[in-house]
Every structure is written in structure tokens, then in C-alpha cells.
C-alpha atoms as a PDB file:
ATOM      1  CA  UNK A   1     -18.371 -14.421  -3.830  1.00  0.00           C
ATOM      2  CA  UNK A   2     -16.161 -13.898  -0.795  1.00  0.00           C
ATOM      3  CA  UNK A   3     -15.283 -16.924   1.176  1.00  0.00           C
ATOM      4  CA  UNK A   4     -14.202 -17.121   4.889  1.00  0.00           C
ATOM      5  CA  UNK A   5     -11.023 -19.156   4.862  1.00  0.00           C
ATOM      6  CA  UNK A   6     -11.784 -20.244   8.488  1.00  0.00           C
ATOM      7  CA  UNK A   7     -15.327 -21.283   8.102  1.00  0.00           C
ATOM      8  CA  UNK A   8     -15.528 -22.068   4.396  1.00  0.00           C
ATOM      9  CA  UNK A   9     -18.785 -20.024   4.250  1.00  0.00           C
ATOM     10  CA  UNK A  10     -19.338 -17.674   1.458  1.00  0.00           C
ATOM     11  CA  UNK A  11     -20.907 -14.388   1.195  1.00  0.00           C
ATOM     12  CA  UNK A  12     -19.129 -12.698   3.972  1.00  0.00           C
ATOM     13  CA  UNK A  13     -18.672  -8.916   3.635  1.00  0.00           C
ATOM     14  CA  UNK A  14     -14.993  -7.854   2.637  1.00  0.00           C
ATOM     15  CA  UNK A  15     -12.630  -6.829   5.511  1.00  0.00           C
ATOM     16  CA  UNK A  16     -12.518  -3.114   4.158  1.00  0.00           C
ATOM     17  CA  UNK A  17     -15.254  -1.559   2.075  1.00  0.00           C
ATOM     18  CA  UNK A  18     -15.314   2.169   1.554  1.00  0.00           C
ATOM     19  CA  UNK A  19     -17.696   4.215  -0.356  1.00  0.00           C
ATOM     20  CA  UNK A  20     -17.757   7.917  -1.098  1.00  0.00           C
ATOM     21  CA  UNK A  21     -15.621   8.673   2.023  1.00  0.00           C
ATOM     22  CA  UNK A  22     -15.145  12.442   2.545  1.00  0.00           C
ATOM     23  CA  UNK A  23     -13.528  14.493   5.253  1.00  0.00           C
ATOM     24  CA  UNK A  24     -13.372  18.157   5.364  1.00  0.00           C
ATOM     25  CA  UNK A  25     -12.177  20.614   7.659  1.00  0.00           C
ATOM     26  CA  UNK A  26     -13.984  23.984   7.106  1.00  0.00           C
ATOM     27  CA  UNK A  27     -13.053  24.829   3.570  1.00  0.00           C
ATOM     28  CA  UNK A  28     -10.301  22.331   3.150  1.00  0.00           C
ATOM     29  CA  UNK A  29     -10.796  18.935   1.791  1.00  0.00           C
ATOM     30  CA  UNK A  30      -8.435  15.979   3.344  1.00  0.00           C
ATOM     31  CA  UNK A  31     -10.338  13.110   1.680  1.00  0.00           C
ATOM     32  CA  UNK A  32     -12.549  13.837  -1.147  1.00  0.00           C
ATOM     33  CA  UNK A  33     -14.722  10.784  -2.019  1.00  0.00           C
ATOM     34  CA  UNK A  34     -12.591   7.706  -1.423  1.00  0.00           C
ATOM     35  CA  UNK A  35     -13.888   4.164  -2.858  1.00  0.00           C
ATOM     36  CA  UNK A  36     -11.869   0.966  -2.153  1.00  0.00           C
ATOM     37  CA  UNK A  37     -12.408  -2.613  -1.250  1.00  0.00           C
ATOM     38  CA  UNK A  38      -9.957  -4.908   0.665  1.00  0.00           C
ATOM     39  CA  UNK A  39     -10.701  -8.594  -0.086  1.00  0.00           C
ATOM     40  CA  UNK A  40      -9.989 -11.625   2.222  1.00  0.00           C
ATOM     41  CA  UNK A  41      -6.353 -12.513   1.911  1.00  0.00           C
ATOM     42  CA  UNK A  42      -5.177  -9.356   0.424  1.00  0.00           C
ATOM     43  CA  UNK A  43      -1.841  -7.636   1.247  1.00  0.00           C
ATOM     44  CA  UNK A  44      -3.148  -4.354   0.027  1.00  0.00           C
ATOM     45  CA  UNK A  45      -1.106  -1.237  -0.407  1.00  0.00           C
ATOM     46  CA  UNK A  46      -2.434   2.268   0.111  1.00  0.00           C
ATOM     47  CA  UNK A  47      -0.265   4.565  -1.536  1.00  0.00           C
ATOM     48  CA  UNK A  48      -0.166   8.438  -1.950  1.00  0.00           C
ATOM     49  CA  UNK A  49       2.168  11.471  -1.744  1.00  0.00           C
ATOM     50  CA  UNK A  50       2.297  13.307   1.884  1.00  0.00           C
ATOM     51  CA  UNK A  51      -0.814  14.921   2.410  1.00  0.00           C
ATOM     52  CA  UNK A  52      -2.776  12.978  -0.119  1.00  0.00           C
ATOM     53  CA  UNK A  53      -5.151  11.802   2.624  1.00  0.00           C
ATOM     54  CA  UNK A  54      -4.015   8.212   3.566  1.00  0.00           C
ATOM     55  CA  UNK A  55      -3.786   8.603   7.315  1.00  0.00           C
ATOM     56  CA  UNK A  56      -7.012  10.572   7.565  1.00  0.00           C
ATOM     57  CA  UNK A  57      -8.753   7.765   5.424  1.00  0.00           C
ATOM     58  CA  UNK A  58      -7.237   5.181   7.718  1.00  0.00           C
ATOM     59  CA  UNK A  59      -8.510   6.906  10.808  1.00  0.00           C
ATOM     60  CA  UNK A  60     -12.009   7.110   9.511  1.00  0.00           C
ATOM     61  CA  UNK A  61     -12.000   3.418   8.576  1.00  0.00           C
ATOM     62  CA  UNK A  62     -11.068   2.631  12.305  1.00  0.00           C
ATOM     63  CA  UNK A  63     -13.687   4.931  13.607  1.00  0.00           C
ATOM     64  CA  UNK A  64     -11.282   7.446  15.226  1.00  0.00           C
ATOM     65  CA  UNK A  65     -12.579  10.430  13.257  1.00  0.00           C
ATOM     66  CA  UNK A  66     -16.118  10.801  11.826  1.00  0.00           C
ATOM     67  CA  UNK A  67     -16.387  11.169   8.118  1.00  0.00           C
ATOM     68  CA  UNK A  68     -18.099  14.220   6.664  1.00  0.00           C
ATOM     69  CA  UNK A  69     -19.776  11.902   4.087  1.00  0.00           C
ATOM     70  CA  UNK A  70     -19.578   8.462   2.867  1.00  0.00           C
ATOM     71  CA  UNK A  71     -19.259   5.149   4.863  1.00  0.00           C
ATOM     72  CA  UNK A  72     -16.480   2.786   5.904  1.00  0.00           C
ATOM     73  CA  UNK A  73     -17.210  -0.781   6.792  1.00  0.00           C
ATOM     74  CA  UNK A  74     -15.045  -3.430   8.393  1.00  0.00           C
ATOM     75  CA  UNK A  75     -16.633  -6.905   7.671  1.00  0.00           C
ATOM     76  CA  UNK A  76     -19.892  -5.175   7.113  1.00  0.00           C
ATOM     77  CA  UNK A  77     -19.773  -3.105  10.316  1.00  0.00           C
ATOM     78  CA  UNK A  78     -19.805   0.536  10.791  1.00  0.00           C
ATOM     79  CA  UNK A  79     -17.055   1.596  13.494  1.00  0.00           C
ATOM     80  CA  UNK A  80     -19.006   4.702  14.110  1.00  0.00           C
ATOM     81  CA  UNK A  81     -22.024   2.885  15.233  1.00  0.00           C
ATOM     82  CA  UNK A  82     -20.464   0.243  17.654  1.00  0.00           C
ATOM     83  CA  UNK A  83     -17.115  -0.536  19.061  1.00  0.00           C
ATOM     84  CA  UNK A  84     -17.925  -4.069  18.202  1.00  0.00           C
ATOM     85  CA  UNK A  85     -17.088  -3.124  14.489  1.00  0.00           C
ATOM     86  CA  UNK A  86     -13.519  -3.515  15.597  1.00  0.00           C
ATOM     87  CA  UNK A  87     -13.840  -7.033  16.649  1.00  0.00           C
ATOM     88  CA  UNK A  88     -11.210  -9.025  14.718  1.00  0.00           C
ATOM     89  CA  UNK A  89      -9.375  -5.592  13.556  1.00  0.00           C
ATOM     90  CA  UNK A  90      -6.004  -4.331  14.895  1.00  0.00           C
ATOM     91  CA  UNK A  91      -2.953  -2.378  13.979  1.00  0.00           C
ATOM     92  CA  UNK A  92      -1.901   1.408  14.172  1.00  0.00           C
ATOM     93  CA  UNK A  93      -2.138   4.664  12.752  1.00  0.00           C
ATOM     94  CA  UNK A  94       1.152   6.610  12.715  1.00  0.00           C
ATOM     95  CA  UNK A  95       3.418   5.205  15.373  1.00  0.00           C
ATOM     96  CA  UNK A  96       2.451   2.744  18.020  1.00  0.00           C
ATOM     97  CA  UNK A  97       2.860   4.049  21.651  1.00  0.00           C
ATOM     98  CA  UNK A  98       3.956   2.226  24.697  1.00  0.00           C
ATOM     99  CA  UNK A  99       5.116   3.104  28.350  1.00  0.00           C
ATOM    100  CA  UNK A 100       8.954   3.522  27.759  1.00  0.00           C
ATOM    101  CA  UNK A 101       9.526   2.705  31.447  1.00  0.00           C
ATOM    102  CA  UNK A 102       7.938  -0.709  31.284  1.00  0.00           C
ATOM    103  CA  UNK A 103       9.063  -3.917  29.470  1.00  0.00           C
ATOM    104  CA  UNK A 104       7.808  -4.911  26.243  1.00  0.00           C
ATOM    105  CA  UNK A 105       6.039  -7.846  27.955  1.00  0.00           C
ATOM    106  CA  UNK A 106       4.552  -5.818  30.513  1.00  0.00           C
ATOM    107  CA  UNK A 107       3.008  -3.186  27.948  1.00  0.00           C
ATOM    108  CA  UNK A 108       1.476  -6.326  26.173  1.00  0.00           C
ATOM    109  CA  UNK A 109       0.012  -7.495  29.540  1.00  0.00           C
ATOM    110  CA  UNK A 110      -1.635  -4.243  30.231  1.00  0.00           C
ATOM    111  CA  UNK A 111      -3.378  -4.239  26.735  1.00  0.00           C
ATOM    112  CA  UNK A 112      -4.315  -7.727  27.115  1.00  0.00           C
ATOM    113  CA  UNK A 113      -5.801  -7.269  30.395  1.00  0.00           C
ATOM    114  CA  UNK A 114      -8.031  -4.207  28.740  1.00  0.00           C
ATOM    115  CA  UNK A 115      -9.013  -6.572  25.879  1.00  0.00           C
ATOM    116  CA  UNK A 116      -9.685  -9.671  27.633  1.00  0.00           C
ATOM    117  CA  UNK A 117     -11.088 -12.708  25.660  1.00  0.00           C
ATOM    118  CA  UNK A 118      -8.014 -14.806  26.334  1.00  0.00           C
ATOM    119  CA  UNK A 119      -5.629 -12.036  24.779  1.00  0.00           C
ATOM    120  CA  UNK A 120      -3.169 -12.730  27.548  1.00  0.00           C
ATOM    121  CA  UNK A 121      -2.475 -16.306  26.329  1.00  0.00           C
ATOM    122  CA  UNK A 122      -1.520 -14.905  23.103  1.00  0.00           C
ATOM    123  CA  UNK A 123       1.353 -12.696  24.332  1.00  0.00           C
ATOM    124  CA  UNK A 124       4.208 -15.357  23.951  1.00  0.00           C
ATOM    125  CA  UNK A 125       3.022 -16.230  20.467  1.00  0.00           C
ATOM    126  CA  UNK A 126       2.905 -12.707  19.396  1.00  0.00           C
ATOM    127  CA  UNK A 127       6.496 -11.798  20.769  1.00  0.00           C
ATOM    128  CA  UNK A 128       7.756 -14.974  18.859  1.00  0.00           C
ATOM    129  CA  UNK A 129       6.180 -14.044  15.586  1.00  0.00           C
ATOM    130  CA  UNK A 130       7.731 -10.497  15.896  1.00  0.00           C
ATOM    131  CA  UNK A 131      11.092 -12.043  16.988  1.00  0.00           C
ATOM    132  CA  UNK A 132      11.101  -9.987  20.146  1.00  0.00           C
ATOM    133  CA  UNK A 133      10.958 -12.922  22.813  1.00  0.00           C
ATOM    134  CA  UNK A 134      14.595 -12.526  23.764  1.00  0.00           C
ATOM    135  CA  UNK A 135      14.127  -8.665  24.542  1.00  0.00           C
ATOM    136  CA  UNK A 136      10.590  -8.922  26.155  1.00  0.00           C
ATOM    137  CA  UNK A 137      11.884  -8.073  29.698  1.00  0.00           C
ATOM    138  CA  UNK A 138      13.812  -5.189  28.488  1.00  0.00           C
ATOM    139  CA  UNK A 139      12.276  -1.612  28.821  1.00  0.00           C
ATOM    140  CA  UNK A 140      10.743  -0.328  25.635  1.00  0.00           C
ATOM    141  CA  UNK A 141      12.776   2.900  26.264  1.00  0.00           C
ATOM    142  CA  UNK A 142      15.762   1.167  25.234  1.00  0.00           C
ATOM    143  CA  UNK A 143      14.145  -0.487  22.064  1.00  0.00           C
ATOM    144  CA  UNK A 144      15.147   0.635  18.655  1.00  0.00           C
ATOM    145  CA  UNK A 145      12.614   2.148  16.220  1.00  0.00           C
ATOM    146  CA  UNK A 146      12.336  -1.039  14.520  1.00  0.00           C
ATOM    147  CA  UNK A 147      11.830  -2.909  17.536  1.00  0.00           C
ATOM    148  CA  UNK A 148       8.947  -0.631  18.711  1.00  0.00           C
ATOM    149  CA  UNK A 149       7.303  -1.014  15.234  1.00  0.00           C
ATOM    150  CA  UNK A 150       7.371  -4.744  15.621  1.00  0.00           C
ATOM    151  CA  UNK A 151       6.080  -4.513  19.361  1.00  0.00           C
ATOM    152  CA  UNK A 152       3.236  -2.501  17.805  1.00  0.00           C
ATOM    153  CA  UNK A 153       2.557  -5.340  15.459  1.00  0.00           C
ATOM    154  CA  UNK A 154       2.781  -7.903  18.594  1.00  0.00           C
ATOM    155  CA  UNK A 155       0.268  -5.662  20.385  1.00  0.00           C
ATOM    156  CA  UNK A 156      -2.021  -6.109  17.368  1.00  0.00           C
ATOM    157  CA  UNK A 157      -1.420  -9.771  17.269  1.00  0.00           C
ATOM    158  CA  UNK A 158      -2.536 -10.156  20.835  1.00  0.00           C
ATOM    159  CA  UNK A 159      -6.268  -9.249  19.685  1.00  0.00           C
ATOM    160  CA  UNK A 160      -6.045 -12.342  17.371  1.00  0.00           C
ATOM    161  CA  UNK A 161      -7.078 -10.121  14.345  1.00  0.00           C
ATOM    162  CA  UNK A 162      -8.338 -11.130  11.009  1.00  0.00           C
ATOM    163  CA  UNK A 163      -7.654  -7.816   9.420  1.00  0.00           C
ATOM    164  CA  UNK A 164      -4.394  -5.758  10.143  1.00  0.00           C
ATOM    165  CA  UNK A 165      -4.116  -2.000   9.271  1.00  0.00           C
ATOM    166  CA  UNK A 166      -0.667  -0.734   9.474  1.00  0.00           C
ATOM    167  CA  UNK A 167       0.272   2.886   8.833  1.00  0.00           C
ATOM    168  CA  UNK A 168       3.801   3.478   7.475  1.00  0.00           C
ATOM    169  CA  UNK A 169       5.176   0.335   9.276  1.00  0.00           C
ATOM    170  CA  UNK A 170       8.446   0.500   7.510  1.00  0.00           C
ATOM    171  CA  UNK A 171       9.167   4.455   8.038  1.00  0.00           C
ATOM    172  CA  UNK A 172      12.527   5.182   9.623  1.00  0.00           C
ATOM    173  CA  UNK A 173      13.795   1.541   9.406  1.00  0.00           C
ATOM    174  CA  UNK A 174      17.387   0.801   8.308  1.00  0.00           C
ATOM    175  CA  UNK A 175      17.874  -1.715   5.548  1.00  0.00           C
ATOM    176  CA  UNK A 176      17.828  -4.749   8.006  1.00  0.00           C
ATOM    177  CA  UNK A 177      14.884  -3.454   9.701  1.00  0.00           C
ATOM    178  CA  UNK A 178      13.046  -3.305   6.407  1.00  0.00           C
ATOM    179  CA  UNK A 179      13.962  -6.890   5.635  1.00  0.00           C
ATOM    180  CA  UNK A 180      12.626  -7.975   9.012  1.00  0.00           C
ATOM    181  CA  UNK A 181       9.362  -5.986   8.712  1.00  0.00           C
ATOM    182  CA  UNK A 182       8.968  -7.329   4.930  1.00  0.00           C
ATOM    183  CA  UNK A 183       9.393 -10.950   6.287  1.00  0.00           C
ATOM    184  CA  UNK A 184       6.992 -10.116   9.275  1.00  0.00           C
ATOM    185  CA  UNK A 185       4.243  -8.941   6.878  1.00  0.00           C
ATOM    186  CA  UNK A 186       4.710 -12.203   4.755  1.00  0.00           C
ATOM    187  CA  UNK A 187       4.358 -14.176   7.905  1.00  0.00           C
ATOM    188  CA  UNK A 188       1.060 -12.335   8.952  1.00  0.00           C
ATOM    189  CA  UNK A 189      -0.352 -13.115   5.385  1.00  0.00           C
ATOM    190  CA  UNK A 190       0.732 -16.773   5.791  1.00  0.00           C
ATOM    191  CA  UNK A 191      -1.210 -16.931   8.792  1.00  0.00           C
ATOM    192  CA  UNK A 192      -4.366 -16.012   7.094  1.00  0.00           C
ATOM    193  CA  UNK A 193      -4.460 -12.390   8.317  1.00  0.00           C
ATOM    194  CA  UNK A 194      -5.605  -9.872   5.598  1.00  0.00           C
ATOM    195  CA  UNK A 195      -3.226  -6.791   5.775  1.00  0.00           C
ATOM    196  CA  UNK A 196      -3.796  -3.223   4.524  1.00  0.00           C
ATOM    197  CA  UNK A 197      -0.829  -0.996   4.905  1.00  0.00           C
ATOM    198  CA  UNK A 198       0.094   2.321   3.835  1.00  0.00           C
ATOM    199  CA  UNK A 199       3.634   3.102   2.745  1.00  0.00           C
ATOM    200  CA  UNK A 200       5.993   5.429   0.762  1.00  0.00           C
ATOM    201  CA  UNK A 201       8.395   2.486   0.111  1.00  0.00           C
ATOM    202  CA  UNK A 202       7.125   1.638  -3.343  1.00  0.00           C
ATOM    203  CA  UNK A 203       9.744  -1.282  -3.952  1.00  0.00           C
ATOM    204  CA  UNK A 204       8.576  -2.921  -0.782  1.00  0.00           C
ATOM    205  CA  UNK A 205       4.865  -2.593  -1.730  1.00  0.00           C
ATOM    206  CA  UNK A 206       5.526  -3.977  -5.158  1.00  0.00           C
ATOM    207  CA  UNK A 207       7.239  -6.892  -3.585  1.00  0.00           C
ATOM    208  CA  UNK A 208       4.572  -7.408  -0.670  1.00  0.00           C
ATOM    209  CA  UNK A 209       1.336  -6.488  -2.060  1.00  0.00           C
ATOM    210  CA  UNK A 210      -1.081  -8.197  -4.406  1.00  0.00           C
ATOM    211  CA  UNK A 211      -3.479  -5.090  -4.886  1.00  0.00           C
ATOM    212  CA  UNK A 212      -3.110  -1.291  -4.158  1.00  0.00           C
ATOM    213  CA  UNK A 213      -5.055   1.757  -4.161  1.00  0.00           C
ATOM    214  CA  UNK A 214      -3.327   5.066  -5.047  1.00  0.00           C
ATOM    215  CA  UNK A 215      -4.766   8.233  -3.565  1.00  0.00           C
ATOM    216  CA  UNK A 216      -3.876  11.900  -4.887  1.00  0.00           C
ATOM    217  CA  UNK A 217      -5.255  14.924  -3.508  1.00  0.00           C
ATOM    218  CA  UNK A 218      -7.816  13.126  -1.538  1.00  0.00           C
ATOM    219  CA  UNK A 219      -9.210  11.050  -4.541  1.00  0.00           C
ATOM    220  CA  UNK A 220      -8.436   7.326  -5.615  1.00  0.00           C
ATOM    221  CA  UNK A 221      -6.774   7.528  -9.111  1.00  0.00           C
ATOM    222  CA  UNK A 222      -6.272   3.810  -9.086  1.00  0.00           C
ATOM    223  CA  UNK A 223      -7.383   0.661  -7.478  1.00  0.00           C
ATOM    224  CA  UNK A 224      -6.671  -2.928  -8.322  1.00  0.00           C
ATOM    225  CA  UNK A 225      -4.018  -5.379  -8.899  1.00  0.00           C
ATOM    226  CA  UNK A 226      -0.416  -4.409  -9.238  1.00  0.00           C
ATOM    227  CA  UNK A 227       0.131  -6.734 -12.194  1.00  0.00           C
ATOM    228  CA  UNK A 228      -2.984  -5.415 -14.077  1.00  0.00           C
ATOM    229  CA  UNK A 229      -1.680  -1.715 -13.566  1.00  0.00           C
ATOM    230  CA  UNK A 230       1.750  -2.678 -15.092  1.00  0.00           C
ATOM    231  CA  UNK A 231       0.102  -4.686 -17.876  1.00  0.00           C
ATOM    232  CA  UNK A 232      -2.026  -1.421 -18.672  1.00  0.00           C
ATOM    233  CA  UNK A 233       1.072   0.604 -18.975  1.00  0.00           C
ATOM    234  CA  UNK A 234       2.492  -1.648 -21.729  1.00  0.00           C
ATOM    235  CA  UNK A 235       6.202  -1.945 -22.138  1.00  0.00           C
ATOM    236  CA  UNK A 236       8.914   0.382 -23.167  1.00  0.00           C
ATOM    237  CA  UNK A 237      11.799  -0.464 -25.353  1.00  0.00           C
ATOM    238  CA  UNK A 238      15.513   0.317 -25.731  1.00  0.00           C
ATOM    239  CA  UNK A 239      16.833  -0.184 -29.371  1.00  0.00           C
ATOM    240  CA  UNK A 240      20.293  -0.026 -30.919  1.00  0.00           C
ATOM    241  CA  UNK A 241      21.087  -0.741 -34.532  1.00  0.00           C
ATOM    242  CA  UNK A 242      23.762  -0.382 -37.130  1.00  0.00           C
ATOM    243  CA  UNK A 243      22.245   2.751 -38.258  1.00  0.00           C
ATOM    244  CA  UNK A 244      20.325   4.684 -35.372  1.00  0.00           C
ATOM    245  CA  UNK A 245      19.554   7.654 -37.511  1.00  0.00           C
ATOM    246  CA  UNK A 246      17.702   5.639 -40.159  1.00  0.00           C
ATOM    247  CA  UNK A 247      16.165   3.388 -37.386  1.00  0.00           C
ATOM    248  CA  UNK A 248      14.870   6.511 -35.560  1.00  0.00           C
ATOM    249  CA  UNK A 249      13.094   7.681 -38.879  1.00  0.00           C
ATOM    250  CA  UNK A 250      11.538   4.140 -39.273  1.00  0.00           C
ATOM    251  CA  UNK A 251      10.263   4.179 -35.608  1.00  0.00           C
ATOM    252  CA  UNK A 252       8.644   7.592 -35.913  1.00  0.00           C
ATOM    253  CA  UNK A 253       7.067   6.316 -39.291  1.00  0.00           C
ATOM    254  CA  UNK A 254       5.696   2.982 -37.986  1.00  0.00           C
ATOM    255  CA  UNK A 255       2.028   2.610 -36.870  1.00  0.00           C
ATOM    256  CA  UNK A 256       1.605   1.829 -33.237  1.00  0.00           C
ATOM    257  CA  UNK A 257       4.845   3.090 -32.170  1.00  0.00           C
ATOM    258  CA  UNK A 258       4.854   5.923 -29.438  1.00  0.00           C
ATOM    259  CA  UNK A 259       6.948   8.245 -27.408  1.00  0.00           C
ATOM    260  CA  UNK A 260       9.954   7.830 -29.855  1.00  0.00           C
ATOM    261  CA  UNK A 261      13.138   9.413 -28.677  1.00  0.00           C
ATOM    262  CA  UNK A 262      16.649   9.031 -28.064  1.00  0.00           C
ATOM    263  CA  UNK A 263      18.140   8.272 -24.537  1.00  0.00           C
ATOM    264  CA  UNK A 264      21.756   7.610 -23.706  1.00  0.00           C
ATOM    265  CA  UNK A 265      22.668   6.967 -27.206  1.00  0.00           C
ATOM    266  CA  UNK A 266      19.729   4.366 -27.785  1.00  0.00           C
ATOM    267  CA  UNK A 267      16.301   4.763 -29.282  1.00  0.00           C
ATOM    268  CA  UNK A 268      13.488   4.727 -26.831  1.00  0.00           C
ATOM    269  CA  UNK A 269       9.948   3.901 -27.637  1.00  0.00           C
ATOM    270  CA  UNK A 270       6.790   2.400 -26.423  1.00  0.00           C
ATOM    271  CA  UNK A 271       4.784  -0.460 -28.356  1.00  0.00           C
ATOM    272  CA  UNK A 272       2.917  -3.679 -28.030  1.00  0.00           C
ATOM    273  CA  UNK A 273       4.615  -6.939 -28.927  1.00  0.00           C
ATOM    274  CA  UNK A 274       2.847  -7.498 -32.298  1.00  0.00           C
ATOM    275  CA  UNK A 275       3.811  -3.796 -33.346  1.00  0.00           C
ATOM    276  CA  UNK A 276       7.671  -4.613 -32.345  1.00  0.00           C
ATOM    277  CA  UNK A 277       7.573  -7.840 -34.595  1.00  0.00           C
ATOM    278  CA  UNK A 278       6.537  -5.475 -37.436  1.00  0.00           C
ATOM    279  CA  UNK A 279       9.133  -3.004 -36.661  1.00  0.00           C
ATOM    280  CA  UNK A 280      11.753  -5.490 -36.651  1.00  0.00           C
ATOM    281  CA  UNK A 281      11.103  -6.329 -40.271  1.00  0.00           C
ATOM    282  CA  UNK A 282      10.648  -2.606 -41.232  1.00  0.00           C
ATOM    283  CA  UNK A 283      14.178  -2.096 -39.732  1.00  0.00           C
ATOM    284  CA  UNK A 284      15.638  -4.791 -41.659  1.00  0.00           C
ATOM    285  CA  UNK A 285      14.042  -3.751 -44.976  1.00  0.00           C
ATOM    286  CA  UNK A 286      15.535  -0.137 -44.124  1.00  0.00           C
ATOM    287  CA  UNK A 287      19.058  -1.500 -43.820  1.00  0.00           C
ATOM    288  CA  UNK A 288      19.163  -0.839 -39.965  1.00  0.00           C
ATOM    289  CA  UNK A 289      20.084  -3.992 -38.522  1.00  0.00           C
ATOM    290  CA  UNK A 290      19.138  -4.604 -34.917  1.00  0.00           C
ATOM    291  CA  UNK A 291      22.132  -4.848 -32.406  1.00  0.00           C
ATOM    292  CA  UNK A 292      20.129  -4.782 -29.147  1.00  0.00           C
ATOM    293  CA  UNK A 293      16.492  -4.723 -28.568  1.00  0.00           C
ATOM    294  CA  UNK A 294      15.437  -4.647 -24.703  1.00  0.00           C
ATOM    295  CA  UNK A 295      11.970  -4.609 -23.138  1.00  0.00           C
ATOM    296  CA  UNK A 296      11.508  -2.560 -20.029  1.00  0.00           C
ATOM    297  CA  UNK A 297       8.496  -2.902 -17.886  1.00  0.00           C
ATOM    298  CA  UNK A 298       7.284  -0.083 -15.816  1.00  0.00           C
ATOM    299  CA  UNK A 299       7.919  -0.373 -11.948  1.00  0.00           C
ATOM    300  CA  UNK A 300       5.393   0.639  -9.508  1.00  0.00           C
ATOM    301  CA  UNK A 301       7.441   3.480  -8.730  1.00  0.00           C
ATOM    302  CA  UNK A 302       7.114   4.730 -12.496  1.00  0.00           C
ATOM    303  CA  UNK A 303       3.355   4.167 -12.488  1.00  0.00           C
ATOM    304  CA  UNK A 304       2.852   5.980  -8.989  1.00  0.00           C
ATOM    305  CA  UNK A 305       4.529   9.125 -10.253  1.00  0.00           C
ATOM    306  CA  UNK A 306       2.636   8.889 -13.530  1.00  0.00           C
ATOM    307  CA  UNK A 307      -0.588   8.924 -11.598  1.00  0.00           C
ATOM    308  CA  UNK A 308       0.196  11.229  -9.006  1.00  0.00           C
ATOM    309  CA  UNK A 309       2.562  13.969 -10.294  1.00  0.00           C
ATOM    310  CA  UNK A 310       0.543  17.041 -11.663  1.00  0.00           C
ATOM    311  CA  UNK A 311      -2.852  15.103 -10.901  1.00  0.00           C
ATOM    312  CA  UNK A 312      -6.095  17.049 -10.614  1.00  0.00           C
ATOM    313  CA  UNK A 313      -9.398  16.500  -9.017  1.00  0.00           C
ATOM    314  CA  UNK A 314     -12.526  15.577 -11.069  1.00  0.00           C
ATOM    315  CA  UNK A 315     -13.447  19.182 -11.439  1.00  0.00           C
ATOM    316  CA  UNK A 316     -10.015  20.016 -13.009  1.00  0.00           C
ATOM    317  CA  UNK A 317      -8.837  21.858  -9.657  1.00  0.00           C
ATOM    318  CA  UNK A 318      -6.470  20.413  -6.729  1.00  0.00           C
ATOM    319  CA  UNK A 319      -8.902  19.966  -3.856  1.00  0.00           C
ATOM    320  CA  UNK A 320      -7.676  21.916  -0.840  1.00  0.00           C
ATOM    321  CA  UNK A 321      -5.469  19.383   1.327  1.00  0.00           C
ATOM    322  CA  UNK A 322      -5.130  19.900   5.174  1.00  0.00           C
ATOM    323  CA  UNK A 323      -2.207  18.176   6.606  1.00  0.00           C
ATOM    324  CA  UNK A 324      -2.977  14.778   8.076  1.00  0.00           C
ATOM    325  CA  UNK A 325      -1.765  15.828  11.460  1.00  0.00           C
ATOM    326  CA  UNK A 326      -4.503  18.365  11.614  1.00  0.00           C
ATOM    327  CA  UNK A 327      -6.763  16.316  13.680  1.00  0.00           C
ATOM    328  CA  UNK A 328      -4.340  14.246  16.077  1.00  0.00           C
ATOM    329  CA  UNK A 329      -5.616  11.105  17.505  1.00  0.00           C
ATOM    330  CA  UNK A 330      -4.003   8.228  19.587  1.00  0.00           C
ATOM    331  CA  UNK A 331      -2.649   5.237  17.909  1.00  0.00           C
ATOM    332  CA  UNK A 332      -5.338   2.573  16.950  1.00  0.00           C
ATOM    333  CA  UNK A 333      -5.372  -0.797  18.466  1.00  0.00           C
END
């Protein structure tokens, strides 16, 4: 059961529910059957190589382009059927856009006037949340890239969203900007906002997100918890002994040991914990005493590349992929 943290009521639809989402441009397929679910309270990472279909998917989720097939629901509502499906939803696709000759606050005032529903009263709080209060009177044309990204999030916050969709919010930021963006996303989550973000910055996603979907050639190749993905990959080990040549032979003969090799003078292998205990005994019996045995858990980056490099579609072929800029649309709000 999904529970609304604001009302305590159960059985509300998930913030994002996508089923069988397809987008074709002639003979080219940008999105080839995406299924994913973002639950209340998630910080959800949407990952994939350039051209994999991330931005096209986000545009369909927001109703900016019409799917060829399938459906996208925001809190159970179809954005292609009614603009009211975007109630409680905010964010941006690609880069947020503002009037560069107006101040940050004036840009937000114009957006708030368009939205209504008390949006103007939320401007100061939004500026404070993204730490732009002291620069709100300055023209946006003088803002750094990171400041414009944060102003884009402020513009979304003015709408008082329950769901925030952010397309590459960290792109082009320096290390300090990345730190600020990371802290900002955490603040959004602490305020009870469900966040879905696409990103190429895998280390940031691993630190921020609890769940991810990985898209390759327009199809989802993994969706679920990051922790579960890492557990499924198991652990690799680095081994050094008093007789590595003999230890290498033992590893290759031991049941349950896989991917045995030598790397930088140490033996590398993959195995479960129970198998490693049995290997330790076998090494002692073989006279190869352990000097060092170090487990190494796969990072999200390791797993991302293992899932996306050389991937094929379900039919054994790479679907044709159209660049995500093929159907330009304005930034979503």
C-alpha cells in the first residue's frame, strides 16, 4: 500500500507510473517500451548513456510529447488528457530558461503570476531553500550556470510540488556547485518531496538515490534499489599469499570461485562469503598462507557499465536511437 505522508491515507497512486512507453520517429525508436514506478518519498535516479532515451521519456511523462504507445501517469493522472495531471508536479527538462535581463526574483514573480494559487507567497521561501536570497535582485544574465540551475529549482518550488522531475541538474557544475546541488536535493527530500532525476554523475546518484532505473537503447535494463543491485553483483576479492602461483591453482580448482585472474601482482576472483571461508582452508592445506584478502564491492558505476556497454534489445538487435534533441520542446515547469 502506498501512503500519502501528508494525509496518512493509503492506496494513493504512485507519483510516477510508466507502462510500455514507446516513442518512434519514423523508423527510429527513441524509447522502446519503458516500465518504471517512482514511489512516494523516493529519490529516484534515471540513468543511461547519451541517446538512451532518458530525456525523451521525461518529456512523455510530463506530457510535452505524445507517446507512440504505452502510458505515463503522474499520481494516477494522464498528462496527455488534462493539464491538471501536472498539479503537484514541477521540474525542468534539459536546462531551465529565464529572462536574462530581469532579476531572479522578477522571473519568479512572473511565473508565480501565471500559476496563481498562492504561488507568489512561496517565492521568498523558495529563494531561501536554494540559497539565492542574497542574489535575488541581480539580473539572471549575470548568474553562473549553477545559480541558474538553482533558480530553476526555485521556480519549481514556487508551485509547491509533491513530485520534482529534474533532468541533469548537475551538468556543467564545478565541484562546489555539485556539493551545493547534492545538499539541495537532500533538503527537497527532507521536505517530503519525491524527486526523480536523470544524471550522468553516477557517484552522485549512488550517494543521493535509494532507487534507480537504468535505460539502454530505449529499454529499461534494471529498476530497483541500488542496494539490491549491488548485492546481486556479489563481491570480488583481491588475494595475496606466500605462494601466489600455488594459490592461483587452488582458486581455479575451488568450486564456487569465478573470474579468477591476476591483477597488479595479486589474485582477483569473485565468490560468496561461504566459498571464501572454504577457500581459506584450502589455501592453508596447500601451503599458500594468506597475506592479504580484501573484498571489493562493485560501485554503481561498475554495475552501470556492465549493464549498458554492449547491450542489445530483446530481439537481439540495437533499436535505432534518435538523438533526444530531435523533438525540441521548451523547459517543463
